Amino acid sequence: MIVMSEVKFELKVVKKKPRRYRTGSKYDPILDAFMEGKDNLVEVSIEDKDANYVRTQLNKRAEARELKGIKISVVNNVCYLEKE
């Protein structure tokens, strides 16, 4: 025989799950400089870092900071930031 005790609980509707990110990143200044600049398309290169790695890190930071209107892409192993 199994006896279950009553459990009090509450269900709450949410729009999306919160994500845990560091509060800052060494990639934030790149995004800040681009967003503050006047150019709509720039090439980003970081010493000793592959373009695909840079794209991944910048995408993570842009998502964490909920930056809108920015596209990060790689073409021919060159990373680009573009304002949409």
Protein backbone atom coordinates (compact mmCIF):
# COMPACT_ATOMS: atom_id res chain seq x y z
CA MET A 1 0.00 0.00 0.00
CA ILE A 2 1.34 3.43 -1.02
CA VAL A 3 0.27 6.48 0.90
CA MET A 4 1.01 9.86 -0.67
CA SER A 5 0.96 13.00 1.38
CA GLU A 6 -0.67 16.09 -0.01
CA VAL A 7 1.74 18.41 -1.81
CA LYS A 8 0.97 22.09 -2.19
CA PHE A 9 2.13 23.55 -5.46
CA GLU A 10 1.52 26.39 -7.88
CA LEU A 11 1.78 26.50 -11.67
CA LYS A 12 2.66 29.80 -13.26
CA VAL A 13 2.58 30.60 -16.98
CA VAL A 14 5.82 32.13 -18.35
CA LYS A 15 6.73 33.41 -21.81
CA LYS A 16 10.24 31.94 -21.91
CA LYS A 17 12.79 30.26 -19.68
CA PRO A 18 15.43 32.53 -18.20
CA ARG A 19 18.98 31.82 -19.30
CA ARG A 20 21.95 32.13 -17.06
CA TYR A 21 24.85 34.07 -18.50
CA ARG A 22 27.72 35.95 -17.04
CA THR A 23 26.93 39.58 -16.48
CA GLY A 24 29.77 40.65 -18.75
CA SER A 25 31.98 39.29 -21.48
CA LYS A 26 35.15 40.22 -23.27
CA TYR A 27 33.03 40.24 -26.45
CA ASP A 28 30.63 42.94 -25.19
CA PRO A 29 32.90 45.84 -26.23
CA ILE A 30 32.84 44.57 -29.83
CA LEU A 31 29.04 44.58 -29.89
CA ASP A 32 28.89 47.96 -28.13
CA ALA A 33 31.32 49.59 -30.57
CA PHE A 34 29.39 48.23 -33.54
CA MET A 35 25.99 49.32 -32.23
CA GLU A 36 27.29 52.82 -31.45
CA GLY A 37 29.07 53.15 -34.80
CA LYS A 38 27.56 54.51 -38.00
CA ASP A 39 28.61 51.65 -40.30
CA ASN A 40 26.00 49.07 -41.27
CA LEU A 41 28.46 46.32 -42.17
CA VAL A 42 31.83 45.58 -40.57
CA GLU A 43 34.36 42.76 -40.58
CA VAL A 44 35.43 41.40 -37.19
CA SER A 45 38.71 39.62 -36.60
CA ILE A 46 40.21 38.57 -33.30
CA GLU A 47 43.79 37.42 -33.07
CA ASP A 48 44.14 33.62 -32.78
CA LYS A 49 40.36 33.03 -33.02
CA ASP A 50 38.53 31.27 -35.85
CA ALA A 51 35.73 33.27 -37.51
CA ASN A 52 33.13 30.60 -36.65
CA TYR A 53 34.17 30.69 -33.00
CA VAL A 54 33.88 34.49 -32.96
CA ARG A 55 30.42 34.28 -34.55
CA THR A 56 29.26 31.79 -31.92
CA GLN A 57 30.50 33.92 -29.03
CA LEU A 58 29.04 37.13 -30.43
CA ASN A 59 25.70 35.42 -31.09
CA LYS A 60 25.59 34.15 -27.50
CA ARG A 61 26.26 37.62 -26.14
CA ALA A 62 23.76 39.30 -28.48
CA GLU A 63 21.11 36.78 -27.41
CA ALA A 64 21.93 37.16 -23.71
CA ARG A 65 21.72 40.93 -23.98
CA GLU A 66 18.60 40.69 -26.16
CA LEU A 67 20.15 42.90 -28.84
CA LYS A 68 17.82 43.38 -31.79
CA GLY A 69 18.66 44.42 -35.33
CA ILE A 70 22.07 42.81 -35.54
CA LYS A 71 23.10 39.93 -37.79
CA ILE A 72 26.34 38.01 -37.25
CA SER A 73 27.57 35.82 -40.08
CA VAL A 74 30.66 34.14 -41.53
CA VAL A 75 31.58 34.12 -45.21
CA ASN A 76 34.86 32.63 -46.46
CA ASN A 77 36.14 32.34 -42.88
CA VAL A 78 35.55 36.05 -42.17
CA CYS A 79 33.10 37.17 -39.49
CA TYR A 80 30.76 40.07 -40.29
CA LEU A 81 28.44 42.21 -38.17
CA GLU A 82 25.50 43.74 -40.00
CA LYS A 83 22.74 46.07 -38.87
CA GLU A 84 19.37 44.87 -40.13
